[in-house]
N, C-alpha and C. Protein backbone atom coordinates (compact mmCIF):
# COMPACT_ATOMS: atom_id res chain seq x y z
N MET A 1 -30.93 64.70 0.23
CA MET A 1 -29.56 64.47 0.74
C MET A 1 -29.62 63.11 1.67
N GLN A 2 -30.60 63.08 2.48
CA GLN A 2 -30.75 62.18 3.43
C GLN A 2 -31.16 60.66 2.75
N HIS A 3 -31.91 60.64 1.52
CA HIS A 3 -32.23 59.54 0.64
C HIS A 3 -31.20 59.16 -0.01
N ARG A 4 -30.20 60.15 -0.44
CA ARG A 4 -29.05 59.71 -1.14
C ARG A 4 -28.21 58.89 -0.18
N THR A 5 -27.83 59.40 0.94
CA THR A 5 -27.08 58.68 1.88
C THR A 5 -27.61 57.43 2.24
N VAL A 6 -28.81 57.22 2.56
CA VAL A 6 -29.43 55.89 2.76
C VAL A 6 -29.27 54.92 1.69
N GLY A 7 -29.47 55.48 0.43
CA GLY A 7 -29.17 54.73 -0.85
C GLY A 7 -27.64 54.20 -0.99
N ILE A 8 -26.90 55.10 -0.69
CA ILE A 8 -25.26 54.77 -0.73
C ILE A 8 -25.06 53.54 0.45
N VAL A 9 -25.51 53.83 1.45
CA VAL A 9 -25.30 52.73 2.69
C VAL A 9 -25.91 51.44 2.28
N PHE A 10 -27.07 51.42 1.72
CA PHE A 10 -27.86 50.26 1.43
C PHE A 10 -27.14 49.49 0.13
N LEU A 11 -26.53 50.30 -0.75
CA LEU A 11 -25.77 49.76 -1.87
C LEU A 11 -24.42 49.33 -1.31
N LEU A 12 -23.84 49.97 -0.29
CA LEU A 12 -22.57 49.39 0.13
C LEU A 12 -22.92 48.15 0.81
N ILE A 13 -23.74 47.84 1.48
CA ILE A 13 -24.14 46.72 2.28
C ILE A 13 -24.39 45.65 1.37
N ALA A 14 -25.14 45.90 0.15
CA ALA A 14 -25.67 44.83 -0.74
C ALA A 14 -24.20 44.58 -1.54
N VAL A 15 -23.18 45.25 -1.71
CA VAL A 15 -22.08 44.79 -2.43
C VAL A 15 -21.14 43.90 -1.46
N LEU A 16 -21.06 44.39 -0.19
CA LEU A 16 -20.32 43.74 0.94
C LEU A 16 -20.93 42.10 1.03
N LEU A 17 -22.32 42.00 1.03
CA LEU A 17 -23.02 40.94 1.16
C LEU A 17 -22.57 40.01 -0.13
N LEU A 18 -22.88 40.48 -1.26
CA LEU A 18 -22.41 39.74 -2.39
C LEU A 18 -21.10 39.26 -2.53
N THR A 19 -20.25 40.27 -2.29
CA THR A 19 -18.78 39.88 -2.31
C THR A 19 -18.29 38.70 -1.22
N GLY A 20 -18.83 38.90 -0.26
CA GLY A 20 -18.59 37.93 0.84
C GLY A 20 -19.21 36.62 0.64
N CYS A 21 -20.28 36.59 -0.05
CA CYS A 21 -20.85 35.22 -0.43
C CYS A 21 -20.03 34.55 -1.61
N GLN A 22 -19.54 35.46 -2.58
CA GLN A 22 -18.81 34.80 -3.47
C GLN A 22 -17.43 34.47 -3.11
N ALA A 23 -16.88 35.18 -2.06
CA ALA A 23 -15.48 34.89 -1.59
C ALA A 23 -15.68 33.39 -0.87
N ALA A 24 -16.76 33.27 -0.21
CA ALA A 24 -16.90 32.04 0.56
C ALA A 24 -16.96 30.82 -0.33
N SER A 25 -17.63 30.93 -1.57
CA SER A 25 -17.75 29.88 -2.53
C SER A 25 -16.73 29.65 -3.17
N ALA A 26 -15.78 30.72 -3.43
CA ALA A 26 -14.45 30.45 -4.25
C ALA A 26 -13.43 29.81 -3.21
N THR A 27 -13.61 29.91 -2.14
CA THR A 27 -12.47 29.08 -1.47
C THR A 27 -12.76 27.81 -1.04
N LYS A 28 -13.81 27.27 -1.39
CA LYS A 28 -14.09 25.83 -1.28
C LYS A 28 -13.57 25.12 -2.57
N GLU A 29 -12.72 24.34 -2.32
CA GLU A 29 -12.12 23.73 -3.66
C GLU A 29 -12.46 22.37 -3.66
N GLU A 30 -12.69 21.91 -4.75
CA GLU A 30 -12.87 20.42 -4.91
C GLU A 30 -11.57 19.60 -5.05
N LEU A 31 -11.30 18.47 -4.54
CA LEU A 31 -10.32 17.72 -4.32
C LEU A 31 -9.60 17.49 -5.67
N PHE A 32 -10.46 17.40 -6.69
CA PHE A 32 -9.81 16.81 -8.01
C PHE A 32 -9.04 18.18 -8.84
N THR A 33 -9.07 19.55 -8.12
CA THR A 33 -8.50 20.50 -8.40
C THR A 33 -7.01 20.22 -8.52
N PHE A 34 -6.88 19.27 -7.64
CA PHE A 34 -5.19 19.08 -7.27
C PHE A 34 -4.76 17.88 -8.11
N GLN A 35 -5.56 17.34 -8.98
CA GLN A 35 -5.17 16.05 -9.91
C GLN A 35 -4.00 16.47 -10.49
N ASN A 36 -3.18 15.40 -10.81
CA ASN A 36 -1.77 15.64 -11.62
C ASN A 36 -0.73 16.68 -10.71
N SER A 37 -1.05 16.47 -9.28
CA SER A 37 -0.01 17.16 -8.58
C SER A 37 1.25 16.18 -8.49
N TYR A 38 2.22 16.90 -8.04
CA TYR A 38 3.38 15.69 -7.83
C TYR A 38 4.10 15.98 -6.45
N ILE A 39 4.67 14.93 -6.15
CA ILE A 39 5.62 15.04 -4.70
C ILE A 39 6.62 15.99 -5.26
N GLY A 40 7.16 16.85 -4.47
CA GLY A 40 8.06 17.94 -4.78
C GLY A 40 7.27 19.39 -4.97
N ASP A 41 6.05 19.32 -5.22
CA ASP A 41 5.36 20.50 -5.13
C ASP A 41 4.63 20.81 -3.84
N ASN A 42 5.46 21.21 -3.07
CA ASN A 42 5.22 21.41 -1.71
C ASN A 42 3.82 22.09 -1.37
N SER A 43 3.56 23.33 -2.19
CA SER A 43 2.48 23.92 -1.95
C SER A 43 1.11 23.28 -2.38
N SER A 44 1.37 22.68 -3.49
CA SER A 44 -0.06 21.84 -3.97
C SER A 44 -0.37 20.72 -3.05
N VAL A 45 0.66 20.03 -2.76
CA VAL A 45 0.48 18.83 -1.79
C VAL A 45 -0.01 19.20 -0.47
N GLY A 46 0.61 20.29 0.09
CA GLY A 46 0.34 21.00 1.26
C GLY A 46 -1.27 21.45 1.20
N ASN A 47 -1.66 22.06 0.26
CA ASN A 47 -3.25 22.45 -0.16
C ASN A 47 -4.10 21.27 -0.14
N LEU A 48 -3.65 20.14 -0.87
CA LEU A 48 -4.44 18.95 -0.86
C LEU A 48 -4.92 18.69 0.51
N LEU A 49 -3.64 18.28 1.22
CA LEU A 49 -3.96 17.78 2.65
C LEU A 49 -4.81 18.43 3.47
N GLN A 50 -5.10 19.74 3.28
CA GLN A 50 -6.06 20.46 4.12
C GLN A 50 -7.43 20.18 3.70
N TYR A 51 -7.78 19.38 2.65
CA TYR A 51 -9.14 18.92 2.23
C TYR A 51 -9.28 17.53 2.54
N LEU A 52 -8.32 16.84 3.18
CA LEU A 52 -8.57 15.42 3.28
C LEU A 52 -8.95 15.25 4.64
N ARG A 53 -9.49 14.12 5.05
CA ARG A 53 -10.22 13.75 6.39
C ARG A 53 -9.27 13.83 7.49
N ASN A 54 -9.77 14.64 8.37
CA ASN A 54 -9.06 14.80 9.81
C ASN A 54 -7.79 16.01 9.70
N SER A 55 -7.97 16.74 8.68
CA SER A 55 -6.85 17.55 8.26
C SER A 55 -6.57 18.44 9.55
N GLU A 56 -7.59 18.88 10.35
CA GLU A 56 -7.37 19.69 11.53
C GLU A 56 -6.46 18.97 12.49
N GLN A 57 -6.49 17.78 12.47
CA GLN A 57 -5.41 17.04 13.41
C GLN A 57 -3.97 16.86 12.84
N LEU A 58 -3.76 17.19 11.54
CA LEU A 58 -2.57 17.02 10.91
C LEU A 58 -1.38 18.06 11.56
N GLU A 59 -0.60 17.43 12.25
CA GLU A 59 0.54 18.53 12.87
C GLU A 59 1.55 18.86 11.91
N HIS A 60 1.95 18.05 10.95
CA HIS A 60 2.99 18.41 9.86
C HIS A 60 3.13 17.28 8.78
N PHE A 61 3.73 17.58 7.72
CA PHE A 61 3.84 16.58 6.87
C PHE A 61 5.35 16.72 6.24
N GLU A 62 5.98 15.64 5.71
CA GLU A 62 7.24 15.59 5.16
C GLU A 62 7.13 14.86 3.77
N LEU A 63 7.70 15.69 2.78
CA LEU A 63 7.83 15.16 1.41
C LEU A 63 9.23 14.48 1.38
N GLN A 64 9.17 13.18 0.74
CA GLN A 64 10.49 12.47 0.43
C GLN A 64 10.72 12.47 -1.09
N THR A 65 11.54 13.40 -1.37
CA THR A 65 11.93 13.72 -2.98
C THR A 65 13.35 13.40 -3.16
N THR A 66 14.12 13.01 -2.44
CA THR A 66 15.43 12.72 -2.74
C THR A 66 15.69 11.67 -3.58
N GLU A 67 14.97 10.46 -3.53
CA GLU A 67 15.21 9.41 -4.41
C GLU A 67 13.94 8.65 -4.39
N GLU A 68 13.71 7.87 -5.49
CA GLU A 68 12.53 7.15 -5.71
C GLU A 68 12.65 5.83 -5.04
N PRO A 69 11.44 5.29 -4.58
CA PRO A 69 10.11 5.75 -4.93
C PRO A 69 9.91 7.20 -3.87
N TYR A 70 9.13 8.02 -4.47
CA TYR A 70 8.65 9.27 -3.70
C TYR A 70 7.62 8.91 -2.83
N GLY A 71 7.50 9.61 -1.65
CA GLY A 71 6.43 9.51 -0.67
C GLY A 71 6.35 10.61 0.30
N MET A 72 5.53 10.33 1.25
CA MET A 72 5.29 11.47 2.30
C MET A 72 5.21 10.83 3.59
N GLU A 73 5.36 11.57 4.77
CA GLU A 73 5.03 10.95 6.11
C GLU A 73 3.97 12.40 6.62
N LEU A 74 2.96 11.76 7.27
CA LEU A 74 2.05 12.48 7.54
C LEU A 74 1.81 12.30 9.00
N HIS A 75 1.89 13.31 10.11
CA HIS A 75 1.86 13.20 11.44
C HIS A 75 0.57 13.88 12.15
N TYR A 76 -0.14 13.03 12.79
CA TYR A 76 -1.44 13.51 13.21
C TYR A 76 -1.53 13.31 14.82
N ALA A 77 -2.31 14.14 15.31
CA ALA A 77 -2.51 13.99 16.89
C ALA A 77 -3.91 13.95 17.05
N ALA A 78 -4.40 13.27 18.11
CA ALA A 78 -5.78 13.09 18.74
C ALA A 78 -6.58 12.57 17.78
N ILE A 79 -6.32 11.45 17.12
CA ILE A 79 -7.07 10.53 16.35
C ILE A 79 -7.05 9.20 17.07
N THR A 80 -8.14 8.63 17.43
CA THR A 80 -8.15 7.38 18.02
C THR A 80 -9.28 6.33 17.20
N GLY A 81 -9.09 5.02 17.62
CA GLY A 81 -10.00 4.20 17.12
C GLY A 81 -10.18 3.80 15.81
N ASP A 82 -11.30 3.75 15.30
CA ASP A 82 -11.56 3.22 14.01
C ASP A 82 -11.21 4.59 13.21
N GLN A 83 -11.30 5.71 13.70
CA GLN A 83 -10.80 7.00 12.99
C GLN A 83 -9.42 6.87 12.34
N ILE A 84 -8.59 6.07 13.00
CA ILE A 84 -7.29 6.21 12.35
C ILE A 84 -7.21 5.20 11.31
N GLU A 85 -7.76 4.07 11.20
CA GLU A 85 -7.91 3.31 10.08
C GLU A 85 -8.61 3.98 8.83
N GLU A 86 -9.80 4.68 9.22
CA GLU A 86 -10.39 5.19 7.98
C GLU A 86 -9.58 6.26 7.52
N THR A 87 -9.01 7.16 8.38
CA THR A 87 -8.25 8.31 8.07
C THR A 87 -7.11 7.74 7.00
N ALA A 88 -6.43 6.81 7.35
CA ALA A 88 -5.16 6.36 6.64
C ALA A 88 -5.52 5.87 5.24
N ILE A 89 -6.75 4.95 5.24
CA ILE A 89 -7.09 4.62 3.94
C ILE A 89 -7.81 5.56 3.16
N PHE A 90 -8.69 6.43 3.65
CA PHE A 90 -9.35 7.49 2.95
C PHE A 90 -8.33 8.48 2.28
N ASN A 91 -7.47 9.07 3.19
CA ASN A 91 -6.31 10.16 2.76
C ASN A 91 -5.33 9.24 1.78
N ALA A 92 -4.88 8.00 2.15
CA ALA A 92 -3.96 7.43 1.15
C ALA A 92 -4.52 7.40 -0.28
N THR A 93 -5.85 6.95 -0.23
CA THR A 93 -6.50 6.59 -1.59
C THR A 93 -6.59 7.96 -2.36
N PHE A 94 -6.97 8.99 -1.75
CA PHE A 94 -6.93 10.33 -2.54
C PHE A 94 -5.64 10.61 -3.09
N ILE A 95 -4.73 10.62 -1.96
CA ILE A 95 -3.31 10.98 -2.46
C ILE A 95 -2.72 10.32 -3.56
N PHE A 96 -2.96 8.97 -3.60
CA PHE A 96 -2.62 8.23 -4.89
C PHE A 96 -3.34 8.58 -5.96
N ALA A 97 -4.57 8.92 -5.90
CA ALA A 97 -5.42 9.26 -6.98
C ALA A 97 -5.00 10.59 -7.59
N LEU A 98 -4.43 11.56 -6.69
CA LEU A 98 -4.26 12.79 -7.25
C LEU A 98 -2.82 13.23 -7.38
N VAL A 99 -1.92 12.77 -6.81
CA VAL A 99 -0.50 13.06 -6.55
C VAL A 99 0.10 11.95 -7.45
N GLN A 100 0.54 12.33 -8.59
CA GLN A 100 0.96 11.33 -9.86
C GLN A 100 2.07 10.47 -9.35
N ASN A 101 3.21 11.01 -8.64
CA ASN A 101 4.16 10.24 -8.46
C ASN A 101 4.50 9.83 -7.00
N ALA A 102 3.37 9.80 -6.10
CA ALA A 102 3.54 9.40 -4.90
C ALA A 102 3.45 7.99 -4.93
N GLU A 103 4.13 7.12 -4.19
CA GLU A 103 4.21 5.72 -4.30
C GLU A 103 3.98 5.31 -2.86
N TRP A 104 4.29 6.09 -1.71
CA TRP A 104 3.92 5.43 -0.33
C TRP A 104 3.53 6.44 0.53
N VAL A 105 2.80 6.41 1.35
CA VAL A 105 2.55 7.31 2.47
C VAL A 105 2.53 6.66 3.72
N THR A 106 3.25 7.31 4.79
CA THR A 106 3.42 6.75 6.12
C THR A 106 2.50 7.69 6.99
N PHE A 107 1.71 7.09 7.74
CA PHE A 107 0.71 7.78 8.53
C PHE A 107 1.39 7.57 10.19
N HIS A 108 1.68 8.72 10.73
CA HIS A 108 2.13 8.58 12.18
C HIS A 108 0.99 9.04 12.94
N PHE A 109 0.26 8.30 13.92
CA PHE A 109 -0.77 8.52 14.71
C PHE A 109 0.02 8.41 16.10
N ASP A 110 -0.59 8.93 17.34
CA ASP A 110 -0.05 9.01 18.57
C ASP A 110 0.55 7.47 19.00
N ALA A 111 -0.29 6.51 18.82
CA ALA A 111 0.55 5.19 19.22
C ALA A 111 0.72 4.20 17.99
N GLN A 112 0.43 4.52 16.75
CA GLN A 112 0.26 3.62 15.74
C GLN A 112 1.00 4.28 14.48
N THR A 113 1.66 3.58 13.57
CA THR A 113 2.17 3.83 12.53
C THR A 113 1.78 2.94 11.35
N TYR A 114 1.36 3.56 10.15
CA TYR A 114 0.87 2.58 9.05
C TYR A 114 1.60 3.31 7.79
N GLN A 115 1.91 2.22 6.89
CA GLN A 115 2.76 2.83 5.59
C GLN A 115 1.82 1.94 4.60
N LEU A 116 1.27 2.85 3.70
CA LEU A 116 0.34 2.30 2.61
C LEU A 116 1.24 2.63 1.19
N THR A 117 1.10 1.79 0.52
CA THR A 117 1.81 2.09 -0.87
C THR A 117 0.62 1.91 -1.94
N ARG A 118 0.94 2.67 -2.99
CA ARG A 118 0.20 2.55 -4.35
C ARG A 118 -0.33 1.31 -4.78
N ASP A 119 0.66 0.47 -4.78
CA ASP A 119 0.57 -0.68 -5.34
C ASP A 119 -0.38 -1.66 -4.45
N ASP A 120 -0.25 -1.53 -3.16
CA ASP A 120 -1.08 -2.39 -2.19
C ASP A 120 -2.68 -1.83 -2.34
N LEU A 121 -2.76 -0.42 -2.42
CA LEU A 121 -4.22 0.03 -2.60
C LEU A 121 -4.75 -0.23 -3.96
N GLN A 122 -4.01 -0.28 -4.98
CA GLN A 122 -4.51 -0.46 -6.36
C GLN A 122 -4.82 -2.01 -6.56
N GLU A 123 -4.02 -2.65 -5.80
CA GLU A 123 -4.44 -4.32 -5.78
C GLU A 123 -5.65 -4.46 -5.21
N ARG A 124 -6.18 -3.65 -4.00
CA ARG A 124 -7.36 -3.82 -3.20
C ARG A 124 -8.45 -3.47 -4.05
N TYR A 125 -8.19 -2.27 -4.81
CA TYR A 125 -9.32 -1.63 -5.61
C TYR A 125 -9.67 -2.20 -6.94
N GLY A 126 -8.31 -2.92 -7.45
CA GLY A 126 -8.36 -3.69 -8.85
C GLY A 126 -8.41 -2.48 -9.79
N LYS A 127 -7.68 -1.48 -9.73
CA LYS A 127 -7.62 -0.50 -10.62
C LYS A 127 -6.53 0.69 -10.42
N ASP A 128 -5.92 1.25 -11.43
CA ASP A 128 -4.83 2.20 -11.25
C ASP A 128 -5.67 3.43 -10.48
N LEU A 129 -5.20 3.86 -9.53
CA LEU A 129 -6.04 4.91 -8.73
C LEU A 129 -6.04 6.27 -9.37
N ARG A 130 -5.09 6.73 -10.28
CA ARG A 130 -5.11 7.70 -10.99
C ARG A 130 -6.07 7.62 -12.22
N SER A 131 -6.81 6.58 -12.29
CA SER A 131 -7.95 6.51 -13.36
C SER A 131 -9.10 7.13 -12.82
N PHE A 132 -9.40 7.49 -11.53
CA PHE A 132 -10.41 7.88 -10.93
C PHE A 132 -10.64 9.24 -11.49
N SER A 133 -11.88 9.65 -11.64
CA SER A 133 -12.39 10.79 -12.38
C SER A 133 -13.03 11.87 -11.59
N SER A 134 -13.48 11.51 -10.33
CA SER A 134 -14.36 12.35 -9.48
C SER A 134 -14.17 11.99 -8.04
N GLU A 135 -14.49 12.94 -7.19
CA GLU A 135 -14.34 12.70 -5.87
C GLU A 135 -15.40 11.82 -5.31
N ASP A 136 -16.71 11.77 -5.99
CA ASP A 136 -17.71 10.74 -5.66
C ASP A 136 -17.16 9.31 -5.74
N THR A 137 -16.56 9.00 -7.06
CA THR A 137 -16.26 7.71 -7.33
C THR A 137 -15.22 7.28 -6.35
N VAL A 138 -14.21 8.08 -6.01
CA VAL A 138 -13.16 7.66 -4.97
C VAL A 138 -13.88 7.39 -3.62
N LYS A 139 -14.78 8.08 -3.22
CA LYS A 139 -15.39 7.97 -1.97
C LYS A 139 -16.37 6.51 -1.94
N GLU A 140 -16.89 6.38 -3.24
CA GLU A 140 -17.60 5.26 -3.33
C GLU A 140 -16.62 3.98 -3.27
N ALA A 141 -15.72 3.80 -3.82
CA ALA A 141 -14.55 2.80 -3.65
C ALA A 141 -14.10 2.73 -2.14
N ILE A 142 -13.82 3.87 -1.79
CA ILE A 142 -13.29 3.76 -0.40
C ILE A 142 -14.42 2.97 0.69
N GLU A 143 -15.64 3.48 0.58
CA GLU A 143 -16.76 2.99 1.40
C GLU A 143 -16.85 1.51 1.25
N LYS A 144 -16.50 1.12 0.05
CA LYS A 144 -16.76 -0.32 -0.18
C LYS A 144 -15.63 -1.30 0.44
N LEU A 145 -14.54 -0.62 0.37
CA LEU A 145 -13.17 -1.23 0.78
C LEU A 145 -13.49 -1.40 2.49
N LEU A 146 -13.92 -0.12 3.02
CA LEU A 146 -14.02 -0.09 4.49
C LEU A 146 -15.13 -1.05 4.97
N GLU A 147 -16.08 -1.56 4.33
CA GLU A 147 -17.00 -2.53 4.59
C GLU A 147 -16.43 -3.74 4.93
N ASN A 148 -15.44 -4.09 4.18
CA ASN A 148 -14.57 -5.37 4.30
C ASN A 148 -13.53 -5.24 5.43
N ASP A 149 -14.01 -5.91 6.56
CA ASP A 149 -13.05 -5.70 7.72
C ASP A 149 -11.61 -6.38 7.46
N ARG A 150 -11.77 -7.75 6.87
CA ARG A 150 -10.60 -8.58 6.54
C ARG A 150 -9.90 -7.71 5.63
N GLU A 151 -10.25 -7.18 4.72
CA GLU A 151 -9.56 -6.55 3.56
C GLU A 151 -8.91 -5.27 4.31
N VAL A 152 -9.34 -4.62 5.05
CA VAL A 152 -8.75 -3.45 5.81
C VAL A 152 -7.78 -3.98 6.68
N GLU A 153 -7.85 -4.93 7.51
CA GLU A 153 -6.85 -5.64 8.32
C GLU A 153 -5.60 -6.07 7.65
N ALA A 154 -5.94 -6.81 6.42
CA ALA A 154 -4.72 -7.02 5.66
C ALA A 154 -3.90 -6.09 5.06
N LEU A 155 -4.87 -4.93 4.71
CA LEU A 155 -4.04 -3.89 3.99
C LEU A 155 -3.20 -3.19 4.95
N LEU A 156 -3.68 -2.91 6.32
CA LEU A 156 -2.97 -2.06 7.25
C LEU A 156 -1.91 -3.02 8.06
N GLN A 157 -1.83 -4.51 7.97
CA GLN A 157 -0.86 -5.30 8.33
C GLN A 157 0.29 -5.53 7.37
N ASP A 158 0.22 -5.13 6.11
CA ASP A 158 1.11 -5.50 5.00
C ASP A 158 2.38 -4.75 5.37
């Protein structure tokens, strides 16, 4: 009887460990699972924003869906220095790559506001952002853009 109880306890622990590991890997989503999202799908856009840079500092967002061009406003706290520029460019690039009808994004930081448009970023990258096919290719393009200080400054001053 005691061997049976030990066996059952061991089996329960093994099942819990396996279930816990599967649940952890299932909650990690790749950004491109949000490809073909649309402004107006609050749930999809909200979930996407959780996986972008500095998402823990995102206080709230507003989707502008009443008239075209559609866009969103993102309000951040506690981001400073170069993180502001990197966050704006990184997040806008992914938003325009994944949210089909997003045409502009306004970033509100404590002391600064930037508005980036799909057209401005596509001009800088030289391609339609919706044509990116993986997270890695988007990140490579972003890193290349961020290396050029004049391009970053021009983009954020437009």
